PDB file of N, CA and C in Angstrom:
ATOM      1  N   MET A   1       0.830  -1.425   0.035  1.00  0.00           N
ATOM      2  CA  MET A   1       0.049  -0.295  -0.221  1.00  0.00           C
ATOM      3  C   MET A   1       0.912   1.181   0.002  1.00  0.00           C
ATOM      4  N   SER A   2       0.460   2.367  -0.813  1.00  0.00           N
ATOM      5  CA  SER A   2       1.337   3.550  -1.113  1.00  0.00           C
ATOM      6  C   SER A   2       0.314   4.988   0.123  1.00  0.00           C
ATOM      7  N   THR A   3       1.471   5.661   0.451  1.00  0.00           N
ATOM      8  CA  THR A   3       0.396   7.041   0.423  1.00  0.00           C
ATOM      9  C   THR A   3       0.712   8.072  -0.168  1.00  0.00           C
ATOM     10  N   ILE A   4      -0.486   8.835  -0.763  1.00  0.00           N
ATOM     11  CA  ILE A   4      -0.747   9.980  -1.513  1.00  0.00           C
ATOM     12  C   ILE A   4      -0.774  11.087  -0.786  1.00  0.00           C
ATOM     13  N   SER A   5      -0.047  12.446  -1.283  1.00  0.00           N
ATOM     14  CA  SER A   5      -0.675  13.637  -0.322  1.00  0.00           C
ATOM     15  C   SER A   5      -1.718  14.398  -1.295  1.00  0.00           C
ATOM     16  N   VAL A   6      -2.921  14.747  -0.592  1.00  0.00           N
ATOM     17  CA  VAL A   6      -3.795  15.159  -1.715  1.00  0.00           C
ATOM     18  C   VAL A   6      -3.972  16.990  -0.837  1.00  0.00           C
ATOM     19  N   THR A   7      -4.208  18.087  -1.355  1.00  0.00           N
ATOM     20  CA  THR A   7      -4.707  19.280  -0.432  1.00  0.00           C
ATOM     21  C   THR A   7      -5.592  18.696   0.471  1.00  0.00           C
ATOM     22  N   LYS A   8      -6.262  19.986   1.288  1.00  0.00           N
ATOM     23  CA  LYS A   8      -7.521  19.928   2.042  1.00  0.00           C
ATOM     24  C   LYS A   8      -8.482  19.397   1.408  1.00  0.00           C
ATOM     25  N   ASP A   9      -9.210  20.680   0.408  1.00  0.00           N
ATOM     26  CA  ASP A   9     -10.201  20.668  -0.350  1.00  0.00           C
ATOM     27  C   ASP A   9     -10.383  19.563  -1.042  1.00  0.00           C
ATOM     28  N   VAL A  10      -9.060  18.748  -1.845  1.00  0.00           N
ATOM     29  CA  VAL A  10      -9.366  17.309  -2.626  1.00  0.00           C
ATOM     30  C   VAL A  10     -10.163  16.306  -1.509  1.00  0.00           C
ATOM     31  N   LYS A  11      -9.285  16.202  -0.151  1.00  0.00           N
ATOM     32  CA  LYS A  11      -9.768  15.004   0.703  1.00  0.00           C
ATOM     33  C   LYS A  11     -11.120  15.209   0.917  1.00  0.00           C
ATOM     34  N   GLU A  12     -11.513  16.603   1.248  1.00  0.00           N
ATOM     35  CA  GLU A  12     -13.219  16.723   1.470  1.00  0.00           C
ATOM     36  C   GLU A  12     -13.296  16.120   0.581  1.00  0.00           C
ATOM     37  N   ALA A  13     -13.251  16.760  -0.239  1.00  0.00           N
ATOM     38  CA  ALA A  13     -14.504  16.193  -2.117  1.00  0.00           C
ATOM     39  C   ALA A  13     -14.254  14.896  -1.785  1.00  0.00           C
ATOM     40  N   LEU A  14     -13.287  14.029  -1.784  1.00  0.00           N
ATOM     41  CA  LEU A  14     -13.322  12.426  -2.101  1.00  0.00           C
ATOM     42  C   LEU A  14     -13.992  12.042  -0.384  1.00  0.00           C
ATOM     43  N   LEU A  15     -14.057  12.673   0.354  1.00  0.00           N
ATOM     44  CA  LEU A  15     -14.678  11.811   1.650  1.00  0.00           C
ATOM     45  C   LEU A  15     -16.358  12.236   1.579  1.00  0.00           C
ATOM     46  N   ARG A  16     -16.665  13.761   0.755  1.00  0.00           N
ATOM     47  CA  ARG A  16     -17.967  13.847   0.618  1.00  0.00           C
ATOM     48  C   ARG A  16     -18.407  12.556  -0.509  1.00  0.00           C
ATOM     49  N   ILE A  17     -17.587  12.327  -1.172  1.00  0.00           N
ATOM     50  CA  ILE A  17     -18.182  11.590  -2.217  1.00  0.00           C
ATOM     51  C   ILE A  17     -18.360   9.899  -1.988  1.00  0.00           C
ATOM     52  N   ALA A  18     -17.382   9.424  -1.056  1.00  0.00           N
ATOM     53  CA  ALA A  18     -17.077   8.707  -0.593  1.00  0.00           C
ATOM     54  C   ALA A  18     -18.687   8.257   1.250  1.00  0.00           C
ATOM     55  N   SER A  19     -19.036   9.253   1.250  1.00  0.00           N
ATOM     56  CA  SER A  19     -19.932   9.594   2.021  1.00  0.00           C
ATOM     57  C   SER A  19     -21.057   9.065   1.039  1.00  0.00           C
ATOM     58  N   GLU A  20     -21.294   9.983  -0.279  1.00  0.00           N
ATOM     59  CA  GLU A  20     -22.523   9.536  -0.822  1.00  0.00           C
ATOM     60  C   GLU A  20     -22.387   8.062  -1.305  1.00  0.00           C
ATOM     61  N   LEU A  21     -21.187   7.422  -1.915  1.00  0.00           N
ATOM     62  CA  LEU A  21     -21.196   6.118  -2.244  1.00  0.00           C
ATOM     63  C   LEU A  21     -21.867   5.075  -1.274  1.00  0.00           C
ATOM     64  N   GLN A  22     -21.109   5.255   0.338  1.00  0.00           N
ATOM     65  CA  GLN A  22     -21.868   4.503   1.115  1.00  0.00           C
ATOM     66  C   GLN A  22     -23.297   4.713   1.439  1.00  0.00           C
ATOM     67  N   THR A  23     -23.780   5.524   1.372  1.00  0.00           N
ATOM     68  CA  THR A  23     -25.511   5.742   0.924  1.00  0.00           C
ATOM     69  C   THR A  23     -25.811   4.811  -0.480  1.00  0.00           C
ATOM     70  N   ARG A  24     -25.404   4.938  -1.300  1.00  0.00           N
ATOM     71  CA  ARG A  24     -25.854   4.300  -2.418  1.00  0.00           C
ATOM     72  C   ARG A  24     -25.682   2.786  -2.061  1.00  0.00           C
ATOM     73  N   TRP A  25     -24.215   2.453  -1.623  1.00  0.00           N
ATOM     74  CA  TRP A  25     -24.287   1.380  -1.958  1.00  0.00           C
ATOM     75  C   TRP A  25     -24.359   0.558  -0.328  1.00  0.00           C
ATOM     76  N   GLY A  26     -24.678   1.281   0.857  1.00  0.00           N
ATOM     77  CA  GLY A  26     -25.419   0.731   1.673  1.00  0.00           C
ATOM     78  C   GLY A  26     -24.206   0.013   2.479  1.00  0.00           C
ATOM     79  N   ARG A  27     -22.993   0.449   2.480  1.00  0.00           N
ATOM     80  CA  ARG A  27     -21.395  -0.314   3.392  1.00  0.00           C
ATOM     81  C   ARG A  27     -20.429   0.567   3.157  1.00  0.00           C
ATOM     82  N   ARG A  28     -19.769   0.346   4.263  1.00  0.00           N
ATOM     83  CA  ARG A  28     -18.391   1.234   4.034  1.00  0.00           C
ATOM     84  C   ARG A  28     -17.268   1.551   3.335  1.00  0.00           C
ATOM     85  N   VAL A  29     -17.034   2.258   2.535  1.00  0.00           N
ATOM     86  CA  VAL A  29     -16.405   2.917   1.510  1.00  0.00           C
ATOM     87  C   VAL A  29     -14.923   3.525   1.684  1.00  0.00           C
ATOM     88  N   ASP A  30     -13.921   2.933   1.399  1.00  0.00           N
ATOM     89  CA  ASP A  30     -12.637   3.682   1.620  1.00  0.00           C
ATOM     90  C   ASP A  30     -12.323   4.466   0.501  1.00  0.00           C
ATOM     91  N   LEU A  31     -11.086   5.434   0.943  1.00  0.00           N
ATOM     92  CA  LEU A  31     -10.604   6.149  -0.186  1.00  0.00           C
ATOM     93  C   LEU A  31     -10.233   5.564  -1.408  1.00  0.00           C
ATOM     94  N   ASN A  32      -9.832   4.100  -0.831  1.00  0.00           N
ATOM     95  CA  ASN A  32      -9.414   3.817  -2.152  1.00  0.00           C
ATOM     96  C   ASN A  32     -10.337   3.233  -3.442  1.00  0.00           C
ATOM     97  N   GLU A  33     -11.748   2.974  -3.161  1.00  0.00           N
ATOM     98  CA  GLU A  33     -12.768   2.417  -3.627  1.00  0.00           C
ATOM     99  C   GLU A  33     -13.317   4.000  -4.417  1.00  0.00           C
ATOM    100  N   VAL A  34     -12.922   5.020  -3.681  1.00  0.00           N
ATOM    101  CA  VAL A  34     -13.679   6.412  -4.296  1.00  0.00           C
ATOM    102  C   VAL A  34     -12.856   6.770  -5.801  1.00  0.00           C
ATOM    103  N   ILE A  35     -11.384   6.494  -5.223  1.00  0.00           N
ATOM    104  CA  ILE A  35     -10.718   7.190  -6.141  1.00  0.00           C
ATOM    105  C   ILE A  35     -10.703   6.061  -7.277  1.00  0.00           C
ATOM    106  N   ARG A  36     -10.709   4.491  -7.262  1.00  0.00           N
ATOM    107  CA  ARG A  36     -11.360   3.572  -8.353  1.00  0.00           C
ATOM    108  C   ARG A  36     -12.484   4.111  -8.787  1.00  0.00           C
ATOM    109  N   TYR A  37     -13.605   4.538  -7.893  1.00  0.00           N
ATOM    110  CA  TYR A  37     -15.044   4.512  -8.935  1.00  0.00           C
ATOM    111  C   TYR A  37     -15.222   6.003  -9.562  1.00  0.00           C
ATOM    112  N   LEU A  38     -13.895   7.354  -9.172  1.00  0.00           N
ATOM    113  CA  LEU A  38     -13.812   7.855 -10.149  1.00  0.00           C
ATOM    114  C   LEU A  38     -12.789   7.764 -11.343  1.00  0.00           C
ATOM    115  N   ILE A  39     -12.118   6.793 -11.496  1.00  0.00           N
ATOM    116  CA  ILE A  39     -11.311   6.937 -12.781  1.00  0.00           C
ATOM    117  C   ILE A  39     -11.887   5.657 -13.512  1.00  0.00           C
ATOM    118  N   ASN A  40     -12.760   4.924 -12.812  1.00  0.00           N
ATOM    119  CA  ASN A  40     -13.455   4.221 -13.744  1.00  0.00           C
ATOM    120  C   ASN A  40     -14.716   4.928 -14.134  1.00  0.00           C
ATOM    121  N   LYS A  41     -14.866   5.495 -13.475  1.00  0.00           N
ATOM    122  CA  LYS A  41     -16.999   6.327 -13.655  1.00  0.00           C
ATOM    123  C   LYS A  41     -16.387   6.973 -15.195  1.00  0.00           C
ATOM    124  N   GLY A  42     -15.120   7.680 -15.664  1.00  0.00           N
ATOM    125  CA  GLY A  42     -14.985   8.447 -16.867  1.00  0.00           C
ATOM    126  C   GLY A  42     -14.806   7.473 -18.269  1.00  0.00           C
ATOM    127  N   VAL A  43     -14.875   6.148 -18.027  1.00  0.00           N
ATOM    128  CA  VAL A  43     -13.687   4.993 -18.968  1.00  0.00           C
ATOM    129  C   VAL A  43     -15.243   4.202 -19.075  1.00  0.00           C
ATOM    130  N   LYS A  44     -16.349   4.175 -19.198  1.00  0.00           N
ATOM    131  CA  LYS A  44     -17.357   2.901 -18.857  1.00  0.00           C
ATOM    132  C   LYS A  44     -17.927   2.768 -20.070  1.00  0.00           C
ATOM    133  N   LYS A  45     -17.826   4.285 -21.185  1.00  0.00           N
ATOM    134  CA  LYS A  45     -18.102   3.687 -22.577  1.00  0.00           C
ATOM    135  C   LYS A  45     -17.403   4.662 -23.646  1.00  0.00           C
ATOM    136  N   PRO A  46     -16.366   4.601 -23.672  1.00  0.00           N
ATOM    137  CA  PRO A  46     -15.662   5.119 -24.700  1.00  0.00           C
ATOM    138  C   PRO A  46     -15.779   5.414 -25.929  1.00  0.00           C
ATOM    139  N   ASP A  47     -16.672   4.025 -26.408  1.00  0.00           N
ATOM    140  CA  ASP A  47     -17.236   4.284 -27.976  1.00  0.00           C
ATOM    141  C   ASP A  47     -18.235   5.250 -28.281  1.00  0.00           C
ATOM    142  N   LEU A  48     -19.011   5.640 -26.925  1.00  0.00           N
ATOM    143  CA  LEU A  48     -19.826   6.928 -26.820  1.00  0.00           C
ATOM    144  C   LEU A  48     -19.109   8.259 -27.023  1.00  0.00           C
ATOM    145  N   LEU A  49     -17.637   8.254 -26.440  1.00  0.00           N
ATOM    146  CA  LEU A  49     -17.019   9.324 -26.702  1.00  0.00           C
ATOM    147  C   LEU A  49     -16.764   9.528 -28.062  1.00  0.00           C
ATOM    148  N   ASP A  50     -16.321   8.202 -28.497  1.00  0.00           N
ATOM    149  CA  ASP A  50     -15.565   8.379 -30.220  1.00  0.00           C
ATOM    150  C   ASP A  50     -16.739   9.068 -30.862  1.00  0.00           C
ATOM    151  N   LYS A  51     -17.826   8.192 -30.896  1.00  0.00           N
ATOM    152  CA  LYS A  51     -19.171   8.684 -31.656  1.00  0.00           C
ATOM    153  C   LYS A  51     -19.447  10.048 -30.974  1.00  0.00           C
ATOM    154  N   ALA A  52     -19.551  10.536 -30.160  1.00  0.00           N
ATOM    155  CA  ALA A  52     -19.441  12.110 -30.104  1.00  0.00           C
ATOM    156  C   ALA A  52     -18.815  12.464 -30.608  1.00  0.00           C
ATOM    157  N   CYS A  53     -17.586  12.417 -30.658  1.00  0.00           N
ATOM    158  CA  CYS A  53     -16.500  13.273 -31.532  1.00  0.00           C
ATOM    159  C   CYS A  53     -15.934  13.140 -32.855  1.00  0.00           C
ATOM    160  N   GLU A  54     -16.789  12.455 -33.114  1.00  0.00           N
ATOM    161  CA  GLU A  54     -16.883  11.901 -35.100  1.00  0.00           C
ATOM    162  C   GLU A  54     -17.345  13.133 -35.806  1.00  0.00           C
ATOM    163  N   PRO A  55     -16.920  13.713 -36.563  1.00  0.00           N
ATOM    164  CA  PRO A  55     -17.612  14.961 -37.345  1.00  0.00           C
ATOM    165  C   PRO A  55     -19.194  14.881 -37.902  1.00  0.00           C
ATOM    166  N   ILE A  56     -19.807  15.995 -38.037  1.00  0.00           N
ATOM    167  CA  ILE A  56     -21.066  15.451 -38.670  1.00  0.00           C
ATOM    168  C   ILE A  56     -21.040  15.942 -40.242  1.00  0.00           C
ATOM    169  N   GLU A  57     -21.996  15.325 -40.698  1.00  0.00           N
ATOM    170  CA  GLU A  57     -21.707  16.179 -42.381  1.00  0.00           C
ATOM    171  C   GLU A  57     -22.035  17.778 -42.332  1.00  0.00           C
ATOM    172  N   GLY A  58     -21.819  18.081 -43.256  1.00  0.00           N
ATOM    173  CA  GLY A  58     -21.573  19.207 -43.382  1.00  0.00           C
ATOM    174  C   GLY A  58     -20.932  19.778 -42.917  1.00  0.00           C
ATOM    175  N   PHE A  59     -19.775  19.799 -41.779  1.00  0.00           N
ATOM    176  CA  PHE A  59     -19.369  20.733 -40.481  1.00  0.00           C
ATOM    177  C   PHE A  59     -18.736  21.150 -41.295  1.00  0.00           C
ATOM    178  N   GLY A  60     -18.021  20.848 -42.571  1.00  0.00           N
ATOM    179  CA  GLY A  60     -16.699  21.652 -43.147  1.00  0.00           C
ATOM    180  C   GLY A  60     -17.610  22.708 -43.649  1.00  0.00           C
ATOM    181  N   GLU A  61     -18.355  22.535 -44.635  1.00  0.00           N
ATOM    182  CA  GLU A  61     -18.720  23.992 -45.040  1.00  0.00           C
ATOM    183  C   GLU A  61     -19.522  25.270 -44.096  1.00  0.00           C
ATOM    184  N   ALA A  62     -20.059  24.378 -42.911  1.00  0.00           N
ATOM    185  CA  ALA A  62     -21.063  25.447 -41.915  1.00  0.00           C
ATOM    186  C   ALA A  62     -19.573  26.063 -41.297  1.00  0.00           C
ATOM    187  N   TYR A  63     -18.443  25.230 -41.097  1.00  0.00           N
ATOM    188  CA  TYR A  63     -17.195  26.483 -40.699  1.00  0.00           C
ATOM    189  C   TYR A  63     -16.679  27.229 -41.370  1.00  0.00           C
ATOM    190  N   LYS A  64     -16.773  26.914 -42.384  1.00  0.00           N
ATOM    191  CA  LYS A  64     -16.866  28.373 -43.237  1.00  0.00           C
ATOM    192  C   LYS A  64     -17.038  29.267 -43.183  1.00  0.00           C
ATOM    193  N   GLU A  65     -18.299  28.925 -43.344  1.00  0.00           N
ATOM    194  CA  GLU A  65     -19.361  29.989 -43.553  1.00  0.00           C
ATOM    195  C   GLU A  65     -19.182  30.483 -42.073  1.00  0.00           C
ATOM    196  N   LEU A  66     -19.246  30.137 -40.912  1.00  0.00           N
ATOM    197  CA  LEU A  66     -18.894  30.827 -39.461  1.00  0.00           C
ATOM    198  C   LEU A  66     -18.063  31.787 -39.599  1.00  0.00           C
ATOM    199  N   LYS A  67     -16.568  30.969 -40.087  1.00  0.00           N
ATOM    200  CA  LYS A  67     -15.535  31.695 -40.300  1.00  0.00           C
ATOM    201  C   LYS A  67     -15.729  33.482 -40.904  1.00  0.00           C
ATOM    202  N   GLU A  68     -16.087  33.487 -42.306  1.00  0.00           N
ATOM    203  CA  GLU A  68     -16.561  33.863 -43.341  1.00  0.00           C
ATOM    204  C   GLU A  68     -17.691  35.285 -42.518  1.00  0.00           C
ATOM    205  N   GLU A  69     -18.506  34.798 -41.803  1.00  0.00           N
ATOM    206  CA  GLU A  69     -19.635  35.755 -41.194  1.00  0.00           C
ATOM    207  C   GLU A  69     -18.458  36.434 -40.242  1.00  0.00           C
ATOM    208  N   ARG A  70     -17.844  35.799 -39.062  1.00  0.00           N
ATOM    209  CA  ARG A  70     -16.881  35.878 -38.257  1.00  0.00           C
ATOM    210  C   ARG A  70     -16.008  37.493 -38.516  1.00  0.00           C
ATOM    211  N   ARG A  71     -15.437  36.734 -39.930  1.00  0.00           N
ATOM    212  CA  ARG A  71     -14.647  37.817 -40.602  1.00  0.00           C
ATOM    213  C   ARG A  71     -15.312  39.419 -40.926  1.00  0.00           C
ATOM    214  N   LYS A  72     -16.759  39.115 -41.249  1.00  0.00           N
ATOM    215  CA  LYS A  72     -17.702  40.590 -41.618  1.00  0.00           C
ATOM    216  C   LYS A  72     -17.495  41.360 -40.213  1.00  0.00           C
ATOM    217  N   ASP A  73     -17.894  40.875 -39.234  1.00  0.00           N
ATOM    218  CA  ASP A  73     -18.474  40.994 -37.935  1.00  0.00           C
ATOM    219  C   ASP A  73     -17.510  41.602 -37.672  1.00  0.00           C
ATOM    220  N   GLU A  74     -15.942  41.232 -38.030  1.00  0.00           N
ATOM    221  CA  GLU A  74     -15.038  41.832 -37.225  1.00  0.00           C
ATOM    222  C   GLU A  74     -14.469  43.599 -37.837  1.00  0.00           C
ATOM    223  N   GLU A  75     -15.053  42.980 -39.501  1.00  0.00           N
ATOM    224  CA  GLU A  75     -14.520  44.323 -40.708  1.00  0.00           C
ATOM    225  C   GLU A  75     -15.462  45.388 -39.984  1.00  0.00           C
ATOM    226  N   ARG A  76     -16.811  45.301 -39.957  1.00  0.00           N
ATOM    227  CA  ARG A  76     -17.865  45.733 -39.241  1.00  0.00           C
ATOM    228  C   ARG A  76     -17.301  46.851 -38.019  1.00  0.00           C
ATOM    229  N   ALA A  77     -17.348  46.262 -36.824  1.00  0.00           N
ATOM    230  CA  ALA A  77     -16.733  46.624 -35.783  1.00  0.00           C
ATOM    231  C   ALA A  77     -15.536  47.424 -35.903  1.00  0.00           C
ATOM    232  N   PHE A  78     -14.936  46.881 -36.951  1.00  0.00           N
ATOM    233  CA  PHE A  78     -13.488  47.802 -36.870  1.00  0.00           C
ATOM    234  C   PHE A  78     -13.705  49.168 -37.816  1.00  0.00           C
ATOM    235  N   ARG A  79     -14.806  49.270 -38.475  1.00  0.00           N
ATOM    236  CA  ARG A  79     -15.372  50.301 -39.186  1.00  0.00           C
ATOM    237  C   ARG A  79     -16.271  51.094 -38.370  1.00  0.00           C
ATOM    238  N   LYS A  80     -17.011  50.651 -37.734  1.00  0.00           N
ATOM    239  CA  LYS A  80     -17.783  51.107 -36.990  1.00  0.00           C
ATOM    240  C   LYS A  80     -17.047  52.099 -35.796  1.00  0.00           C
ATOM    241  N   PHE A  81     -16.003  51.488 -35.102  1.00  0.00           N
ATOM    242  CA  PHE A  81     -15.344  52.484 -34.333  1.00  0.00           C
ATOM    243  C   PHE A  81     -14.047  53.095 -34.807  1.00  0.00           C
ATOM    244  N   GLY A  82     -13.957  53.112 -36.012  1.00  0.00           N
ATOM    245  CA  GLY A  82     -12.696  53.722 -36.867  1.00  0.00           C
ATOM    246  C   GLY A  82     -11.590  53.160 -36.713  1.00  0.00           C
ATOM    247  N   LEU A  83     -11.547  52.041 -36.287  1.00  0.00           N
ATOM    248  CA  LEU A  83      -9.953  51.206 -36.145  1.00  0.00           C
ATOM    249  C   LEU A  83      -9.647  50.709 -37.039  1.00  0.00           C
ATOM    250  N   ARG A  84      -9.832  50.975 -38.649  1.00  0.00           N
ATOM    251  CA  ARG A  84      -9.394  50.619 -40.053  1.00  0.00           C
ATOM    252  C   ARG A  84      -9.898  52.392 -40.901  1.00  0.00           C
TER     253      ARG A  84
END
């Protein structure tokens, strides 16, 4: 077993999560289980993250249009405030 150092606020957060897990699971939970829970919590369905990060159809054209409109907005702002 190893010892790790955490700040007071992190320890308090871990204890708060431990309390929630103890209530949910109906048994005593140590900080090791809390950390394991937090590590596993984010990687349960990596395929969903991959799917969410896939480019959507028409993104390239929409992004080009967004950049062009933003450039026009900046030009109008510069003209309005006499910066050009």
